[in-house]
């Protein structure tokens, strides 16, 4: 059975981000990108937090 997701790939570094597809009762299906910024920012800036304990 196919997953109900969409994968975005950053072509600069090859990292992939997977997001759910939401099916509504009316209108087209949409991609839930509510965590996109958090996922991208955490990956892009993870070196900042590497040597720190928070």
Protein backbone atom coordinates (compact mmCIF):
# COMPACT_ATOMS: atom_id res chain seq x y z
CA UNK A 1 0.00 0.00 0.00
CA UNK A 2 1.35 3.40 -0.95
CA UNK A 3 2.05 5.96 1.76
CA UNK A 4 -0.06 9.10 1.74
CA UNK A 5 2.95 11.43 1.83
CA UNK A 6 5.00 13.74 -0.36
CA UNK A 7 8.78 14.00 -0.18
CA UNK A 8 10.68 17.22 -0.79
CA UNK A 9 14.38 16.88 -1.56
CA UNK A 10 16.94 19.66 -1.12
CA UNK A 11 19.01 19.30 -4.29
CA UNK A 12 21.95 21.11 -2.70
CA UNK A 13 22.63 18.43 -0.11
CA UNK A 14 20.32 15.54 -0.99
CA UNK A 15 18.37 15.65 2.29
CA UNK A 16 14.76 14.59 2.01
CA UNK A 17 11.80 15.82 4.03
CA UNK A 18 8.59 13.80 4.13
CA UNK A 19 5.17 15.39 4.75
CA UNK A 20 1.67 14.01 5.03
CA UNK A 21 -0.98 14.61 2.39
CA UNK A 22 -4.30 15.62 3.88
CA UNK A 23 -7.48 14.65 2.07
CA UNK A 24 -10.42 16.94 2.73
CA UNK A 25 -14.10 16.33 2.17
CA UNK A 26 -14.20 19.03 -0.52
CA UNK A 27 -11.51 20.46 -2.74
CA UNK A 28 -8.08 19.13 -3.60
CA UNK A 29 -5.73 17.26 -1.30
CA UNK A 30 -3.05 19.38 0.36
CA UNK A 31 0.44 18.79 1.71
CA UNK A 32 0.82 19.48 5.46
CA UNK A 33 3.96 21.63 5.59
CA UNK A 34 3.28 22.92 9.10
CA UNK A 35 6.66 21.58 10.31
CA UNK A 36 8.65 22.54 7.20
CA UNK A 37 10.44 25.51 8.74
CA UNK A 38 11.27 23.59 11.93
CA UNK A 39 12.60 20.59 9.97
CA UNK A 40 14.65 22.71 7.56
CA UNK A 41 16.00 25.09 10.21
CA UNK A 42 16.97 22.25 12.56
CA UNK A 43 18.88 20.47 9.79
CA UNK A 44 20.47 23.58 8.31
CA UNK A 45 21.61 25.00 11.64
CA UNK A 46 22.29 21.83 13.62
CA UNK A 47 26.01 22.67 13.72
CA UNK A 48 25.19 25.62 16.01
CA UNK A 49 23.90 23.30 18.72
CA UNK A 50 26.39 20.47 18.24
CA UNK A 51 28.84 21.49 20.97
CA UNK A 52 26.37 23.10 23.37
CA UNK A 53 24.26 21.66 26.13
CA UNK A 54 20.88 23.37 26.47
